[in-house]
Amino acid sequence: FNALTTIGYLIESAPPRALSTLLRLTSLLRSVLRSDGEMTTLGRELELVGHYLDIERERFEERLQVQLDVPEQLRTLPIPCLIVQPLVENAVKHGIAPAIHGGSVSVRARLEGAPPRQTLRILVENTGAPLVDDVEARSARVGLNNVERRLAGHFGTAASLVLRTVDGVTVAEVRVPVASAGIASARDGARAAG
């Protein structure tokens, strides 16, 4: 709905930007509706995040800075659908939007541990308004609850979502176990790239 409002504003003030934003929204909706089942790859999830952030940059302009730091070899790893995008959306909605001067959102991913017990660690960080993480605020955040349910449904207690503040930066951290086939694929990609 925010994207549609942004497009409506841009139609009058900057028609070429309105068209560009509309095309980004179309790509975002296609990505969400394209069904790969319950799992996707980190790369496809990042495409969705990219479309979403492109739209939000039209809305917030210079108030939103974005950084994606995900090694190419990790982009083939399987993850449950819509794990990263809702965290990025929360970062924009609860961190950037209420902050007068905006802020930045970054997405980083790394593999940790040694085979066969490696973990994919995904961090979504934002500056801006501080984290409010009391029981009432958390129960009202549908996106976070959905992410937690998806993680538990796929991995049980082997996966986690943790919210915290570190030096004024709000951090949402997801940890998921990586299947040995996914690890081999990521290692092969790293060898080919190196």
Protein backbone atom coordinates (compact mmCIF):
# COMPACT_ATOMS: atom_id res chain seq x y z
CA PHE A 1 0.00 0.00 0.00
CA ASN A 2 2.89 2.35 0.72
CA ALA A 3 4.25 1.59 -2.75
CA LEU A 4 0.92 2.48 -4.35
CA THR A 5 0.79 5.72 -2.37
CA THR A 6 4.33 6.53 -3.50
CA ILE A 7 3.39 5.82 -7.13
CA GLY A 8 0.31 8.06 -6.80
CA TYR A 9 2.49 10.91 -5.55
CA LEU A 10 5.09 10.34 -8.26
CA ILE A 11 2.48 10.33 -11.05
CA GLU A 12 1.97 14.04 -10.42
CA SER A 13 5.47 15.08 -9.41
CA ALA A 14 7.76 12.79 -11.45
CA PRO A 15 5.96 10.61 -14.04
CA PRO A 16 9.10 8.75 -15.25
CA ARG A 17 9.91 7.76 -11.65
CA ALA A 18 6.28 6.69 -11.19
CA LEU A 19 6.55 4.33 -14.16
CA SER A 20 9.87 2.94 -12.93
CA THR A 21 8.43 2.37 -9.44
CA LEU A 22 5.34 0.72 -10.89
CA LEU A 23 7.54 -1.71 -12.83
CA ARG A 24 9.50 -2.48 -9.64
CA LEU A 25 6.24 -3.15 -7.81
CA THR A 26 5.19 -5.49 -10.62
CA SER A 27 8.49 -7.37 -10.30
CA LEU A 28 8.08 -7.56 -6.53
CA LEU A 29 4.56 -8.97 -6.80
CA ARG A 30 5.65 -11.50 -9.44
CA SER A 31 8.48 -12.63 -7.17
CA VAL A 32 6.13 -13.06 -4.22
CA LEU A 33 3.53 -14.91 -6.26
CA ARG A 34 6.01 -17.15 -8.09
CA SER A 35 5.79 -20.34 -6.11
CA ASP A 36 8.88 -22.47 -5.62
CA GLY A 37 7.10 -24.41 -2.89
CA GLU A 38 8.00 -23.75 0.71
CA MET A 39 11.71 -23.32 0.02
CA THR A 40 13.65 -20.91 -2.15
CA THR A 41 17.30 -19.91 -2.42
CA LEU A 42 18.96 -17.07 -0.58
CA GLY A 43 19.59 -15.48 -3.99
CA ARG A 44 15.91 -15.46 -4.95
CA GLU A 45 15.00 -14.07 -1.54
CA LEU A 46 17.56 -11.30 -2.09
CA GLU A 47 15.98 -10.50 -5.47
CA LEU A 48 12.69 -9.99 -3.64
CA VAL A 49 14.44 -7.83 -1.04
CA GLY A 50 16.06 -5.81 -3.83
CA HIS A 51 12.71 -5.10 -5.52
CA TYR A 52 11.20 -4.09 -2.17
CA LEU A 53 14.11 -1.77 -1.30
CA ASP A 54 14.06 -0.16 -4.76
CA ILE A 55 10.45 0.85 -4.13
CA GLU A 56 11.21 2.09 -0.63
CA ARG A 57 14.13 4.20 -1.93
CA GLU A 58 11.65 6.00 -4.19
CA ARG A 59 9.54 6.68 -1.11
CA PHE A 60 12.30 7.72 1.30
CA GLU A 61 14.81 9.05 -1.26
CA GLU A 62 18.01 10.13 0.51
CA ARG A 63 16.58 9.11 3.91
CA LEU A 64 17.19 5.41 3.10
CA GLN A 65 20.65 3.97 2.51
CA VAL A 66 20.99 0.29 1.60
CA GLN A 67 23.86 -2.18 1.72
CA LEU A 68 23.74 -5.86 0.66
CA ASP A 69 26.76 -7.94 1.66
CA VAL A 70 26.07 -11.54 0.69
CA PRO A 71 28.80 -13.58 -0.99
CA GLU A 72 27.75 -14.96 -4.36
CA GLN A 73 28.49 -18.56 -3.35
CA LEU A 74 25.88 -18.38 -0.55
CA ARG A 75 23.08 -17.30 -2.87
CA THR A 76 22.38 -20.90 -3.97
CA LEU A 77 21.72 -22.09 -0.41
CA PRO A 78 18.13 -23.18 0.28
CA ILE A 79 16.10 -21.25 2.85
CA PRO A 80 12.37 -21.10 3.62
CA CYS A 81 10.46 -18.55 1.51
CA LEU A 82 9.91 -15.08 2.97
CA ILE A 83 12.45 -15.26 5.76
CA VAL A 84 14.59 -12.22 4.91
CA GLN A 85 12.09 -9.88 3.20
CA PRO A 86 9.80 -9.47 6.26
CA LEU A 87 12.84 -8.58 8.39
CA VAL A 88 13.90 -5.93 5.87
CA GLU A 89 10.34 -4.62 5.76
CA ASN A 90 10.29 -4.36 9.57
CA ALA A 91 13.64 -2.54 9.49
CA VAL A 92 12.19 0.05 7.12
CA LYS A 93 8.80 0.31 8.83
CA HIS A 94 9.99 0.44 12.45
CA GLY A 95 13.52 1.83 12.04
CA ILE A 96 13.68 4.14 9.02
CA ALA A 97 10.11 5.47 8.65
CA PRO A 98 9.79 6.97 12.15
CA ALA A 99 13.29 8.51 12.13
CA ILE A 100 13.36 12.15 11.00
CA HIS A 101 16.68 11.72 9.20
CA GLY A 102 16.01 8.14 8.08
CA GLY A 103 18.85 5.67 8.29
CA SER A 104 20.40 2.66 6.69
CA VAL A 105 19.43 -0.98 6.19
CA SER A 106 22.01 -3.66 5.60
CA VAL A 107 21.66 -7.37 4.85
CA ARG A 108 24.65 -9.63 5.44
CA ALA A 109 25.07 -13.40 5.31
CA ARG A 110 27.89 -15.74 6.30
CA LEU A 111 28.46 -19.46 6.82
CA GLU A 112 29.64 -20.40 10.29
CA GLY A 113 30.96 -23.63 11.73
CA ALA A 114 32.48 -26.67 10.09
CA PRO A 115 30.80 -29.35 7.98
CA PRO A 116 28.54 -31.16 8.55
CA ARG A 117 27.19 -28.71 11.12
CA GLN A 118 27.38 -25.42 9.32
CA THR A 119 24.93 -22.64 9.96
CA LEU A 120 23.83 -19.86 7.63
CA ARG A 121 23.78 -16.61 9.60
CA ILE A 122 21.72 -13.77 8.09
CA LEU A 123 21.79 -10.32 9.67
CA VAL A 124 19.35 -7.52 8.85
CA GLU A 125 20.54 -4.33 10.53
CA ASN A 126 19.10 -0.85 10.61
CA THR A 127 19.85 2.51 12.09
CA GLY A 128 17.09 5.00 12.73
CA ALA A 129 14.46 4.62 15.43
CA PRO A 130 15.49 2.33 18.30
CA LEU A 131 14.17 -1.20 18.74
CA VAL A 132 11.07 -1.56 20.90
CA ASP A 133 11.01 -5.24 21.84
CA ASP A 134 8.54 -5.67 24.65
CA VAL A 135 5.96 -8.47 24.69
CA GLU A 136 3.14 -6.25 23.39
CA ALA A 137 5.20 -4.84 20.51
CA ARG A 138 6.44 -8.30 19.50
CA SER A 139 2.95 -9.85 19.48
CA ALA A 140 1.75 -7.05 17.16
CA ARG A 141 4.50 -7.75 14.60
CA VAL A 142 2.92 -10.23 12.23
CA GLY A 143 6.00 -10.47 9.99
CA LEU A 144 8.29 -11.52 12.84
CA ASN A 145 5.79 -14.08 14.08
CA ASN A 146 5.47 -15.54 10.57
CA VAL A 147 9.26 -15.79 10.21
CA GLU A 148 9.52 -17.58 13.57
CA ARG A 149 6.74 -20.03 12.58
CA ARG A 150 8.39 -20.78 9.22
CA LEU A 151 11.76 -21.39 10.87
CA ALA A 152 10.24 -23.66 13.52
CA GLY A 153 8.20 -25.55 10.90
CA HIS A 154 11.26 -26.31 8.78
CA PHE A 155 14.03 -26.68 11.36
CA GLY A 156 12.45 -27.00 14.81
CA THR A 157 14.78 -25.64 17.47
CA ALA A 158 17.82 -25.84 15.15
CA ALA A 159 16.95 -22.41 13.68
CA SER A 160 16.48 -19.10 15.46
CA LEU A 161 15.46 -15.48 15.10
CA VAL A 162 16.92 -13.03 17.60
CA LEU A 163 16.33 -9.26 17.83
CA ARG A 164 18.77 -7.03 19.67
CA THR A 165 20.33 -3.58 19.68
CA VAL A 166 24.09 -3.19 19.36
CA ASP A 167 25.58 0.33 19.64
CA GLY A 168 22.30 1.94 18.53
CA VAL A 169 21.83 -0.44 15.58
CA THR A 170 18.83 -2.76 15.55
CA VAL A 171 19.82 -6.27 14.50
CA ALA A 172 17.56 -9.13 13.40
CA GLU A 173 19.64 -12.30 13.24
CA VAL A 174 18.46 -15.52 11.62
CA ARG A 175 20.41 -18.76 11.96
CA VAL A 176 19.45 -21.81 9.92
CA PRO A 177 21.22 -25.15 9.60
CA VAL A 178 22.56 -25.79 6.12
CA ALA A 179 22.02 -29.15 4.43
CA SER A 180 25.23 -30.87 3.36
CA ALA A 181 24.17 -30.66 -0.32
CA GLY A 182 23.77 -26.89 0.02
CA ILE A 183 27.15 -26.60 1.71
CA ALA A 184 28.85 -28.56 -1.08
CA SER A 185 27.19 -26.32 -3.66
CA ALA A 186 28.35 -23.18 -1.83
CA ARG A 187 31.93 -24.56 -1.50
CA ASP A 188 32.02 -25.48 -5.20
CA GLY A 189 30.83 -21.98 -6.07
CA ALA A 190 33.53 -20.47 -3.88
CA ARG A 191 36.23 -22.59 -5.55
CA ALA A 192 34.99 -21.65 -9.02
CA ALA A 193 34.94 -17.94 -8.07
CA GLY A 194 38.39 -18.07 -6.41
